[in-house]
């Protein structure tokens, strides 16, 4: 987290510059956040704790950019509405499902595509999380009322 914070601290003169509009600052923040903060989140097995940390980081920096003090009573939802932000949870899910769709549209011999269907046997060693990335994806699919085979069929249609 310190590395990510350092990237945004380097842009601190930009955030404090009064000649640049807040809209431009938010656009710069969103492009940097998308590249740095959520890099590789498609393959993360995220927990609620990680999501809360990332969301807290984004909220703090957006409040700094918008010059909103802690004494100003504004909810996070209102902050997101003003800055046209989406919660980190939604952004991570969108990126993950875009990546899964991209992977499922690859040729049948692609290693990434076969890895999505691979089901390792055995047990997870002591200390390893019981919830795997694959199980979290299956839970998300189940919550939508679909099956993995339906999702594979839908992935052929890029717009769906």
Foldseek 3Di string as FASTA:
>chain_A
DVVLVVVVVVCVVVLPDPVDDLLVVLVVVVVSCVCPVCVPLLQDPDDPVVLVVSQVVVQVVLCSSVVPDPVDDDDPVRSCVVNVHDRPVVVSVVVNLLVVLVLLQDDPPDPSNVVLVDDDDDDDDPPDDPDHPSNVVQVVCVVVVHGPVVSSVVSNPVVD
